[in-house]
PDB file of N, CA and C in Angstrom:
ATOM      1  N   ARG A   1      86.722  99.756  92.857  1.00  0.00           N
ATOM      2  CA  ARG A   1      85.906 100.510  91.922  1.00  0.00           C
ATOM      3  C   ARG A   1      85.500 101.840  92.547  1.00  0.00           C
ATOM      4  N   PHE A   2      85.552 102.890  91.740  1.00  0.00           N
ATOM      5  CA  PHE A   2      85.223 104.224  92.218  1.00  0.00           C
ATOM      6  C   PHE A   2      84.271 104.904  91.241  1.00  0.00           C
ATOM      7  N   CYS A   3      83.420 105.778  91.760  1.00  0.00           N
ATOM      8  CA  CYS A   3      82.563 106.590  90.899  1.00  0.00           C
ATOM      9  C   CYS A   3      83.416 107.714  90.317  1.00  0.00           C
ATOM     10  N   ALA A   4      82.853 108.468  89.383  1.00  0.00           N
ATOM     11  CA  ALA A   4      83.598 109.543  88.733  1.00  0.00           C
ATOM     12  C   ALA A   4      84.065 110.596  89.738  1.00  0.00           C
ATOM     13  N   GLN A   5      83.254 110.862  90.746  1.00  0.00           N
ATOM     14  CA  GLN A   5      83.596 111.877  91.744  1.00  0.00           C
ATOM     15  C   GLN A   5      84.756 111.438  92.637  1.00  0.00           C
ATOM     16  N   HIS A   6      84.838 110.150  92.950  1.00  0.00           N
ATOM     17  CA  HIS A   6      85.832 109.661  93.900  1.00  0.00           C
ATOM     18  C   HIS A   6      86.992 108.889  93.270  1.00  0.00           C
ATOM     19  N   LYS A   7      87.087 108.890  91.964  1.00  0.00           N
ATOM     20  CA  LYS A   7      88.184 108.172  91.311  1.00  0.00           C
ATOM     21  C   LYS A   7      89.521 108.785  91.717  1.00  0.00           C
ATOM     22  N   GLU A   8      90.539 107.976  91.714  1.00  0.00           N
ATOM     23  CA  GLU A   8      91.871 108.443  92.069  1.00  0.00           C
ATOM     24  C   GLU A   8      92.578 108.978  90.831  1.00  0.00           C
ATOM     25  N   GLN A   9      93.599 109.770  91.056  1.00  0.00           N
ATOM     26  CA  GLN A   9      94.335 110.375  89.953  1.00  0.00           C
ATOM     27  C   GLN A   9      94.891 109.290  89.030  1.00  0.00           C
ATOM     28  N   GLY A  10      94.713 109.477  87.743  1.00  0.00           N
ATOM     29  CA  GLY A  10      95.197 108.522  86.758  1.00  0.00           C
ATOM     30  C   GLY A  10      94.176 107.482  86.345  1.00  0.00           C
ATOM     31  N   MET A  11      93.077 107.351  87.088  1.00  0.00           N
ATOM     32  CA  MET A  11      92.034 106.385  86.723  1.00  0.00           C
ATOM     33  C   MET A  11      91.225 106.916  85.549  1.00  0.00           C
ATOM     34  N   VAL A  12      90.807 106.019  84.662  1.00  0.00           N
ATOM     35  CA  VAL A  12      89.984 106.389  83.512  1.00  0.00           C
ATOM     36  C   VAL A  12      88.719 105.542  83.498  1.00  0.00           C
ATOM     37  N   ASP A  13      87.688 106.061  82.868  1.00  0.00           N
ATOM     38  CA  ASP A  13      86.410 105.359  82.755  1.00  0.00           C
ATOM     39  C   ASP A  13      86.534 104.309  81.658  1.00  0.00           C
ATOM     40  N   VAL A  14      86.732 103.060  82.046  1.00  0.00           N
ATOM     41  CA  VAL A  14      86.894 101.997  81.056  1.00  0.00           C
ATOM     42  C   VAL A  14      85.560 101.371  80.663  1.00  0.00           C
ATOM     43  N   ARG A  15      84.525 101.652  81.398  1.00  0.00           N
ATOM     44  CA  ARG A  15      83.211 101.098  81.071  1.00  0.00           C
ATOM     45  C   ARG A  15      82.603 101.797  79.863  1.00  0.00           C
ATOM     46  N   HIS A  16      82.809 103.085  79.771  1.00  0.00           N
ATOM     47  CA  HIS A  16      82.174 103.853  78.712  1.00  0.00           C
ATOM     48  C   HIS A  16      83.120 104.255  77.585  1.00  0.00           C
ATOM     49  N   LYS A  17      84.394 104.117  77.780  1.00  0.00           N
ATOM     50  CA  LYS A  17      85.364 104.512  76.756  1.00  0.00           C
ATOM     51  C   LYS A  17      86.366 103.392  76.531  1.00  0.00           C
ATOM     52  N   SER A  18      86.783 103.257  75.305  1.00  0.00           N
ATOM     53  CA  SER A  18      87.804 102.260  75.008  1.00  0.00           C
ATOM     54  C   SER A  18      89.103 102.893  74.546  1.00  0.00           C
ATOM     55  N   GLN A  19      89.149 104.211  74.501  1.00  0.00           N
ATOM     56  CA  GLN A  19      90.348 104.913  74.074  1.00  0.00           C
ATOM     57  C   GLN A  19      90.888 105.706  75.263  1.00  0.00           C
ATOM     58  N   ALA A  20      91.966 105.256  75.849  1.00  0.00           N
ATOM     59  CA  ALA A  20      92.551 105.934  77.005  1.00  0.00           C
ATOM     60  C   ALA A  20      92.936 107.362  76.653  1.00  0.00           C
ATOM     61  N   GLY A  21      92.645 108.276  77.552  1.00  0.00           N
ATOM     62  CA  GLY A  21      93.015 109.667  77.360  1.00  0.00           C
ATOM     63  C   GLY A  21      92.016 110.489  76.576  1.00  0.00           C
ATOM     64  N   CYS A  22      91.024 109.873  75.988  1.00  0.00           N
ATOM     65  CA  CYS A  22      90.024 110.606  75.210  1.00  0.00           C
ATOM     66  C   CYS A  22      88.880 111.022  76.129  1.00  0.00           C
ATOM     67  N   SER A  23      88.501 112.288  76.065  1.00  0.00           N
ATOM     68  CA  SER A  23      87.424 112.780  76.928  1.00  0.00           C
ATOM     69  C   SER A  23      86.137 113.043  76.155  1.00  0.00           C
ATOM     70  N   LYS A  24      86.104 112.681  74.883  1.00  0.00           N
ATOM     71  CA  LYS A  24      84.910 112.907  74.062  1.00  0.00           C
ATOM     72  C   LYS A  24      83.851 111.849  74.337  1.00  0.00           C
ATOM     73  N   ARG A  25      82.614 112.183  74.022  1.00  0.00           N
ATOM     74  CA  ARG A  25      81.471 111.296  74.247  1.00  0.00           C
ATOM     75  C   ARG A  25      81.590 110.039  73.394  1.00  0.00           C
ATOM     76  N   ALA A  26      81.457 108.885  74.033  1.00  0.00           N
ATOM     77  CA  ALA A  26      81.515 107.606  73.319  1.00  0.00           C
ATOM     78  C   ALA A  26      80.125 107.278  72.804  1.00  0.00           C
ATOM     79  N   GLY A  27      79.938 107.345  71.507  1.00  0.00           N
ATOM     80  CA  GLY A  27      78.631 107.081  70.920  1.00  0.00           C
ATOM     81  C   GLY A  27      78.656 106.027  69.831  1.00  0.00           C
ATOM     82  N   PHE A  28      79.794 105.430  69.580  1.00  0.00           N
ATOM     83  CA  PHE A  28      79.927 104.472  68.487  1.00  0.00           C
ATOM     84  C   PHE A  28      80.298 103.088  68.997  1.00  0.00           C
ATOM     85  N   ASN A  29      79.711 102.073  68.362  1.00  0.00           N
ATOM     86  CA  ASN A  29      79.972 100.679  68.694  1.00  0.00           C
ATOM     87  C   ASN A  29      79.640  99.857  67.453  1.00  0.00           C
ATOM     88  N   VAL A  30      79.829  98.559  67.532  1.00  0.00           N
ATOM     89  CA  VAL A  30      79.450  97.693  66.412  1.00  0.00           C
ATOM     90  C   VAL A  30      77.926  97.667  66.302  1.00  0.00           C
ATOM     91  N   GLU A  31      77.398  97.364  65.136  1.00  0.00           N
ATOM     92  CA  GLU A  31      75.949  97.273  64.914  1.00  0.00           C
ATOM     93  C   GLU A  31      75.339  96.331  65.945  1.00  0.00           C
ATOM     94  N   GLY A  32      74.308  96.785  66.632  1.00  0.00           N
ATOM     95  CA  GLY A  32      73.653  95.985  67.660  1.00  0.00           C
ATOM     96  C   GLY A  32      74.200  96.215  69.058  1.00  0.00           C
ATOM     97  N   GLY A  33      75.304  96.945  69.174  1.00  0.00           N
ATOM     98  CA  GLY A  33      75.868  97.253  70.487  1.00  0.00           C
ATOM     99  C   GLY A  33      74.937  98.163  71.268  1.00  0.00           C
ATOM    100  N   LYS A  34      74.864  97.965  72.563  1.00  0.00           N
ATOM    101  CA  LYS A  34      73.942  98.738  73.402  1.00  0.00           C
ATOM    102  C   LYS A  34      74.531 100.061  73.865  1.00  0.00           C
ATOM    103  N   ARG A  35      75.828 100.103  74.116  1.00  0.00           N
ATOM    104  CA  ARG A  35      76.483 101.298  74.637  1.00  0.00           C
ATOM    105  C   ARG A  35      77.585 101.757  73.698  1.00  0.00           C
ATOM    106  N   GLY A  36      77.835 103.067  73.716  1.00  0.00           N
ATOM    107  CA  GLY A  36      78.942 103.596  72.937  1.00  0.00           C
ATOM    108  C   GLY A  36      80.272 103.223  73.562  1.00  0.00           C
ATOM    109  N   ARG A  37      81.237 102.879  72.733  1.00  0.00           N
ATOM    110  CA  ARG A  37      82.567 102.519  73.227  1.00  0.00           C
ATOM    111  C   ARG A  37      83.641 103.482  72.735  1.00  0.00           C
ATOM    112  N   PHE A  38      83.416 104.124  71.595  1.00  0.00           N
ATOM    113  CA  PHE A  38      84.404 105.020  71.012  1.00  0.00           C
ATOM    114  C   PHE A  38      83.751 106.328  70.578  1.00  0.00           C
ATOM    115  N   CYS A  39      84.514 107.400  70.573  1.00  0.00           N
ATOM    116  CA  CYS A  39      84.035 108.674  70.042  1.00  0.00           C
ATOM    117  C   CYS A  39      84.158 108.634  68.515  1.00  0.00           C
ATOM    118  N   VAL A  40      83.667 109.667  67.857  1.00  0.00           N
ATOM    119  CA  VAL A  40      83.700 109.698  66.392  1.00  0.00           C
ATOM    120  C   VAL A  40      85.142 109.671  65.865  1.00  0.00           C
ATOM    121  N   GLN A  41      86.056 110.274  66.588  1.00  0.00           N
ATOM    122  CA  GLN A  41      87.452 110.319  66.154  1.00  0.00           C
ATOM    123  C   GLN A  41      88.142 108.962  66.270  1.00  0.00           C
ATOM    124  N   HIS A  42      87.825 108.184  67.292  1.00  0.00           N
ATOM    125  CA  HIS A  42      88.524 106.925  67.551  1.00  0.00           C
ATOM    126  C   HIS A  42      87.747 105.676  67.151  1.00  0.00           C
ATOM    127  N   LYS A  43      86.567 105.822  66.578  1.00  0.00           N
ATOM    128  CA  LYS A  43      85.760 104.652  66.200  1.00  0.00           C
ATOM    129  C   LYS A  43      86.450 103.856  65.102  1.00  0.00           C
ATOM    130  N   LEU A  44      86.166 102.578  65.067  1.00  0.00           N
ATOM    131  CA  LEU A  44      86.695 101.724  64.013  1.00  0.00           C
ATOM    132  C   LEU A  44      85.803 101.850  62.782  1.00  0.00           C
ATOM    133  N   GLN A  45      86.282 101.460  61.634  1.00  0.00           N
ATOM    134  CA  GLN A  45      85.593 101.703  60.373  1.00  0.00           C
ATOM    135  C   GLN A  45      84.180 101.120  60.322  1.00  0.00           C
ATOM    136  N   ALA A  46      83.960  99.953  60.855  1.00  0.00           N
ATOM    137  CA  ALA A  46      82.651  99.303  60.771  1.00  0.00           C
ATOM    138  C   ALA A  46      81.679  99.751  61.865  1.00  0.00           C
ATOM    139  N   MET A  47      82.099 100.632  62.755  1.00  0.00           N
ATOM    140  CA  MET A  47      81.245 101.046  63.871  1.00  0.00           C
ATOM    141  C   MET A  47      80.204 102.065  63.437  1.00  0.00           C
ATOM    142  N   VAL A  48      79.065 102.036  64.140  1.00  0.00           N
ATOM    143  CA  VAL A  48      77.940 102.927  63.836  1.00  0.00           C
ATOM    144  C   VAL A  48      77.539 103.690  65.097  1.00  0.00           C
ATOM    145  N   ASP A  49      76.796 104.775  64.907  1.00  0.00           N
ATOM    146  CA  ASP A  49      76.277 105.586  66.008  1.00  0.00           C
ATOM    147  C   ASP A  49      75.189 104.794  66.731  1.00  0.00           C
ATOM    148  N   VAL A  50      75.409 104.462  68.003  1.00  0.00           N
ATOM    149  CA  VAL A  50      74.422 103.694  68.774  1.00  0.00           C
ATOM    150  C   VAL A  50      73.686 104.571  69.784  1.00  0.00           C
ATOM    151  N   LYS A  51      74.037 105.832  69.893  1.00  0.00           N
ATOM    152  CA  LYS A  51      73.392 106.738  70.849  1.00  0.00           C
ATOM    153  C   LYS A  51      72.177 107.443  70.248  1.00  0.00           C
ATOM    154  N   THR A  52      72.269 107.853  68.992  1.00  0.00           N
ATOM    155  CA  THR A  52      71.190 108.592  68.352  1.00  0.00           C
ATOM    156  C   THR A  52      70.054 107.649  67.984  1.00  0.00           C
ATOM    157  N   LYS A  53      68.842 108.029  68.342  1.00  0.00           N
ATOM    158  CA  LYS A  53      67.667 107.210  68.023  1.00  0.00           C
ATOM    159  C   LYS A  53      67.486 107.138  66.508  1.00  0.00           C
ATOM    160  N   ARG A  54      67.001 106.002  66.027  1.00  0.00           N
ATOM    161  CA  ARG A  54      66.782 105.765  64.601  1.00  0.00           C
ATOM    162  C   ARG A  54      65.335 105.399  64.345  1.00  0.00           C
ATOM    163  N   CYS A  55      64.900 105.557  63.108  1.00  0.00           N
ATOM    164  CA  CYS A  55      63.543 105.214  62.688  1.00  0.00           C
ATOM    165  C   CYS A  55      63.256 103.756  63.049  1.00  0.00           C
ATOM    166  N   GLU A  56      62.058 103.503  63.595  1.00  0.00           N
ATOM    167  CA  GLU A  56      61.710 102.150  64.033  1.00  0.00           C
ATOM    168  C   GLU A  56      60.845 101.400  63.024  1.00  0.00           C
ATOM    169  N   HIS A  57      60.642 101.950  61.831  1.00  0.00           N
ATOM    170  CA  HIS A  57      59.781 101.297  60.842  1.00  0.00           C
ATOM    171  C   HIS A  57      60.325  99.930  60.462  1.00  0.00           C
ATOM    172  N   HIS A  58      61.605  99.874  60.144  1.00  0.00           N
ATOM    173  CA  HIS A  58      62.272  98.592  59.880  1.00  0.00           C
ATOM    174  C   HIS A  58      63.760  98.749  60.159  1.00  0.00           C
ATOM    175  N   ALA A  59      64.427  97.658  60.352  1.00  0.00           N
ATOM    176  CA  ALA A  59      65.824  97.672  60.789  1.00  0.00           C
ATOM    177  C   ALA A  59      66.769  98.344  59.801  1.00  0.00           C
ATOM    178  N   GLY A  60      66.437  98.399  58.531  1.00  0.00           N
ATOM    179  CA  GLY A  60      67.342  98.951  57.536  1.00  0.00           C
ATOM    180  C   GLY A  60      67.372 100.464  57.464  1.00  0.00           C
ATOM    181  N   CYS A  61      66.443 101.149  58.123  1.00  0.00           N
ATOM    182  CA  CYS A  61      66.386 102.610  58.048  1.00  0.00           C
ATOM    183  C   CYS A  61      67.286 103.216  59.120  1.00  0.00           C
ATOM    184  N   SER A  62      68.170 104.118  58.718  1.00  0.00           N
ATOM    185  CA  SER A  62      69.100 104.727  59.667  1.00  0.00           C
ATOM    186  C   SER A  62      68.829 106.213  59.874  1.00  0.00           C
ATOM    187  N   LYS A  63      67.672 106.693  59.414  1.00  0.00           N
ATOM    188  CA  LYS A  63      67.339 108.112  59.553  1.00  0.00           C
ATOM    189  C   LYS A  63      66.804 108.407  60.949  1.00  0.00           C
ATOM    190  N   GLN A  64      66.945 109.673  61.377  1.00  0.00           N
ATOM    191  CA  GLN A  64      66.429 110.074  62.679  1.00  0.00           C
ATOM    192  C   GLN A  64      64.918 110.239  62.610  1.00  0.00           C
ATOM    193  N   PRO A  65      64.207 109.769  63.634  1.00  0.00           N
ATOM    194  CA  PRO A  65      62.746 109.886  63.632  1.00  0.00           C
ATOM    195  C   PRO A  65      62.281 111.279  64.050  1.00  0.00           C
ATOM    196  N   HIS A  66      61.208 111.750  63.420  1.00  0.00           N
ATOM    197  CA  HIS A  66      60.563 113.006  63.794  1.00  0.00           C
ATOM    198  C   HIS A  66      59.053 112.847  63.850  1.00  0.00           C
ATOM    199  N   PHE A  67      58.528 111.720  63.391  1.00  0.00           N
ATOM    200  CA  PHE A  67      57.085 111.567  63.218  1.00  0.00           C
ATOM    201  C   PHE A  67      56.484 110.462  64.071  1.00  0.00           C
ATOM    202  N   HIS A  68      55.244 110.707  64.497  1.00  0.00           N
ATOM    203  CA  HIS A  68      54.414 109.732  65.198  1.00  0.00           C
ATOM    204  C   HIS A  68      53.002 110.318  65.206  1.00  0.00           C
ATOM    205  N   PHE A  69      52.060 109.581  65.775  1.00  0.00           N
ATOM    206  CA  PHE A  69      50.701 110.098  65.872  1.00  0.00           C
ATOM    207  C   PHE A  69      50.675 111.271  66.843  1.00  0.00           C
ATOM    208  N   GLU A  70      49.763 112.205  66.648  1.00  0.00           N
ATOM    209  CA  GLU A  70      49.716 113.432  67.443  1.00  0.00           C
ATOM    210  C   GLU A  70      49.618 113.156  68.943  1.00  0.00           C
ATOM    211  N   SER A  71      48.959 112.084  69.326  1.00  0.00           N
ATOM    212  CA  SER A  71      48.786 111.761  70.745  1.00  0.00           C
ATOM    213  C   SER A  71      50.065 111.222  71.395  1.00  0.00           C
ATOM    214  N   GLU A  72      51.050 110.876  70.601  1.00  0.00           N
ATOM    215  CA  GLU A  72      52.312 110.331  71.121  1.00  0.00           C
ATOM    216  C   GLU A  72      53.343 111.444  71.283  1.00  0.00           C
ATOM    217  N   ARG A  73      54.198 111.315  72.274  1.00  0.00           N
ATOM    218  CA  ARG A  73      55.229 112.327  72.522  1.00  0.00           C
ATOM    219  C   ARG A  73      56.558 111.971  71.862  1.00  0.00           C
ATOM    220  N   ARG A  74      56.870 110.695  71.771  1.00  0.00           N
ATOM    221  CA  ARG A  74      58.173 110.253  71.268  1.00  0.00           C
ATOM    222  C   ARG A  74      58.095 109.896  69.790  1.00  0.00           C
ATOM    223  N   ALA A  75      58.946 110.520  68.994  1.00  0.00           N
ATOM    224  CA  ALA A  75      58.994 110.235  67.561  1.00  0.00           C
ATOM    225  C   ALA A  75      59.594 108.855  67.327  1.00  0.00           C
ATOM    226  N   LYS A  76      59.018 108.109  66.377  1.00  0.00           N
ATOM    227  CA  LYS A  76      59.517 106.768  66.072  1.00  0.00           C
ATOM    228  C   LYS A  76      59.768 106.537  64.586  1.00  0.00           C
ATOM    229  N   PHE A  77      59.317 107.450  63.725  1.00  0.00           N
ATOM    230  CA  PHE A  77      59.396 107.214  62.288  1.00  0.00           C
ATOM    231  C   PHE A  77      60.001 108.412  61.557  1.00  0.00           C
ATOM    232  N   CYS A  78      60.725 108.131  60.474  1.00  0.00           N
ATOM    233  CA  CYS A  78      61.304 109.194  59.648  1.00  0.00           C
ATOM    234  C   CYS A  78      60.245 109.716  58.680  1.00  0.00           C
ATOM    235  N   ALA A  79      60.535 110.804  57.995  1.00  0.00           N
ATOM    236  CA  ALA A  79      59.583 111.419  57.071  1.00  0.00           C
ATOM    237  C   ALA A  79      59.222 110.483  55.920  1.00  0.00           C
ATOM    238  N   GLN A  80      60.164 109.715  55.454  1.00  0.00           N
ATOM    239  CA  GLN A  80      59.930 108.828  54.317  1.00  0.00           C
ATOM    240  C   GLN A  80      59.028 107.647  54.679  1.00  0.00           C
ATOM    241  N   LEU A  81      59.115 107.145  55.906  1.00  0.00           N
ATOM    242  CA  LEU A  81      58.400 105.931  56.291  1.00  0.00           C
ATOM    243  C   LEU A  81      57.203 106.173  57.211  1.00  0.00           C
ATOM    244  N   LYS A  82      56.849 107.427  57.452  1.00  0.00           N
ATOM    245  CA  LYS A  82      55.699 107.735  58.308  1.00  0.00           C
ATOM    246  C   LYS A  82      54.396 107.403  57.594  1.00  0.00           C
ATOM    247  N   GLN A  83      53.331 107.212  58.385  1.00  0.00           N
ATOM    248  CA  GLN A  83      52.001 107.015  57.822  1.00  0.00           C
ATOM    249  C   GLN A  83      51.369 108.381  57.581  1.00  0.00           C
ATOM    250  N   ASP A  84      50.348 108.436  56.731  1.00  0.00           N
ATOM    251  CA  ASP A  84      49.729 109.707  56.364  1.00  0.00           C
ATOM    252  C   ASP A  84      49.195 110.493  57.557  1.00  0.00           C
ATOM    253  N   GLU A  85      48.675 109.824  58.571  1.00  0.00           N
ATOM    254  CA  GLU A  85      48.078 110.496  59.723  1.00  0.00           C
ATOM    255  C   GLU A  85      49.116 111.017  60.714  1.00  0.00           C
ATOM    256  N   MET A  86      50.363 110.653  60.540  1.00  0.00           N
ATOM    257  CA  MET A  86      51.405 111.037  61.492  1.00  0.00           C
ATOM    258  C   MET A  86      51.868 112.460  61.254  1.00  0.00           C
ATOM    259  N   MET A  87      52.330 113.091  62.343  1.00  0.00           N
ATOM    260  CA  MET A  87      52.840 114.459  62.245  1.00  0.00           C
ATOM    261  C   MET A  87      54.199 114.551  62.936  1.00  0.00           C
ATOM    262  N   ASP A  88      54.880 115.654  62.697  1.00  0.00           N
ATOM    263  CA  ASP A  88      56.189 115.893  63.301  1.00  0.00           C
ATOM    264  C   ASP A  88      55.982 116.189  64.787  1.00  0.00           C
ATOM    265  N   VAL A  89      56.394 115.271  65.653  1.00  0.00           N
ATOM    266  CA  VAL A  89      56.246 115.460  67.096  1.00  0.00           C
ATOM    267  C   VAL A  89      57.580 115.822  67.757  1.00  0.00           C
ATOM    268  N   ALA A  90      58.655 115.845  66.992  1.00  0.00           N
ATOM    269  CA  ALA A  90      59.975 116.134  67.549  1.00  0.00           C
ATOM    270  C   ALA A  90      60.303 117.625  67.542  1.00  0.00           C
ATOM    271  N   SER A  91      59.803 118.355  66.559  1.00  0.00           N
ATOM    272  CA  SER A  91      60.108 119.781  66.441  1.00  0.00           C
ATOM    273  C   SER A  91      59.175 120.611  67.313  1.00  0.00           C
ATOM    274  N   LYS A  92      59.680 121.713  67.833  1.00  0.00           N
ATOM    275  CA  LYS A  92      58.858 122.612  68.644  1.00  0.00           C
ATOM    276  C   LYS A  92      57.824 123.283  67.756  1.00  0.00           C
ATOM    277  N   ARG A  93      56.703 123.676  68.344  1.00  0.00           N
ATOM    278  CA  ARG A  93      55.593 124.299  67.631  1.00  0.00           C
ATOM    279  C   ARG A  93      55.316 125.682  68.187  1.00  0.00           C
ATOM    280  N   CYS A  94      54.651 126.507  67.375  1.00  0.00           N
ATOM    281  CA  CYS A  94      54.198 127.830  67.792  1.00  0.00           C
ATOM    282  C   CYS A  94      53.262 127.671  68.991  1.00  0.00           C
ATOM    283  N   LYS A  95      53.355 128.573  69.971  1.00  0.00           N
ATOM    284  CA  LYS A  95      52.544 128.475  71.185  1.00  0.00           C
ATOM    285  C   LYS A  95      51.120 128.980  70.999  1.00  0.00           C
ATOM    286  N   GLN A  96      50.827 129.603  69.866  1.00  0.00           N
ATOM    287  CA  GLN A  96      49.465 130.086  69.605  1.00  0.00           C
ATOM    288  C   GLN A  96      48.531 128.890  69.448  1.00  0.00           C
ATOM    289  N   ALA A  97      47.402 128.911  70.153  1.00  0.00           N
ATOM    290  CA  ALA A  97      46.434 127.807  70.094  1.00  0.00           C
ATOM    291  C   ALA A  97      45.987 127.558  68.655  1.00  0.00           C
ATOM    292  N   GLY A  98      46.025 126.308  68.243  1.00  0.00           N
ATOM    293  CA  GLY A  98      45.585 125.924  66.907  1.00  0.00           C
ATOM    294  C   GLY A  98      46.641 126.036  65.822  1.00  0.00           C
ATOM    295  N   CYS A  99      47.791 126.618  66.123  1.00  0.00           N
ATOM    296  CA  CYS A  99      48.854 126.773  65.125  1.00  0.00           C
ATOM    297  C   CYS A  99      49.852 125.628  65.273  1.00  0.00           C
ATOM    298  N   SER A 100      50.189 124.983  64.167  1.00  0.00           N
ATOM    299  CA  SER A 100      51.133 123.861  64.216  1.00  0.00           C
ATOM    300  C   SER A 100      52.430 124.160  63.472  1.00  0.00           C
ATOM    301  N   LYS A 101      52.686 125.437  63.189  1.00  0.00           N
ATOM    302  CA  LYS A 101      53.903 125.806  62.467  1.00  0.00           C
ATOM    303  C   LYS A 101      55.113 125.824  63.397  1.00  0.00           C
ATOM    304  N   VAL A 102      56.291 125.641  62.808  1.00  0.00           N
ATOM    305  CA  VAL A 102      57.547 125.700  63.549  1.00  0.00           C
ATOM    306  C   VAL A 102      57.883 127.172  63.774  1.00  0.00           C
ATOM    307  N   PRO A 103      58.211 127.583  65.022  1.00  0.00           N
ATOM    308  CA  PRO A 103      58.507 128.996  65.291  1.00  0.00           C
ATOM    309  C   PRO A 103      59.795 129.459  64.621  1.00  0.00           C
ATOM    310  N   LEU A 104      59.874 130.767  64.422  1.00  0.00           N
ATOM    311  CA  LEU A 104      61.065 131.371  63.806  1.00  0.00           C
ATOM    312  C   LEU A 104      62.243 131.336  64.732  1.00  0.00           C
TER     313      LEU A 104
END
């Protein structure tokens, strides 16, 4: 076994990729898979994106999260399933004190 730096000529990363010769990021696997096995071009029909974070409100939501309580740094909920007190914590904000608008 060799790391990426010390691999020998002709060796491929079989842990993270299942398509020989493909150098694209592996982000797709079967539902519930922990690691990506295929890139978007080589994924099988039933495979889903397992790298991108998804809304944690319930298992059926596949939208990207942007909302959580102001005191939290990591977004966990999508706009549709957020609670009223939650705000967008994923987008950058204006640096002016007291301003919560998204910069131009």
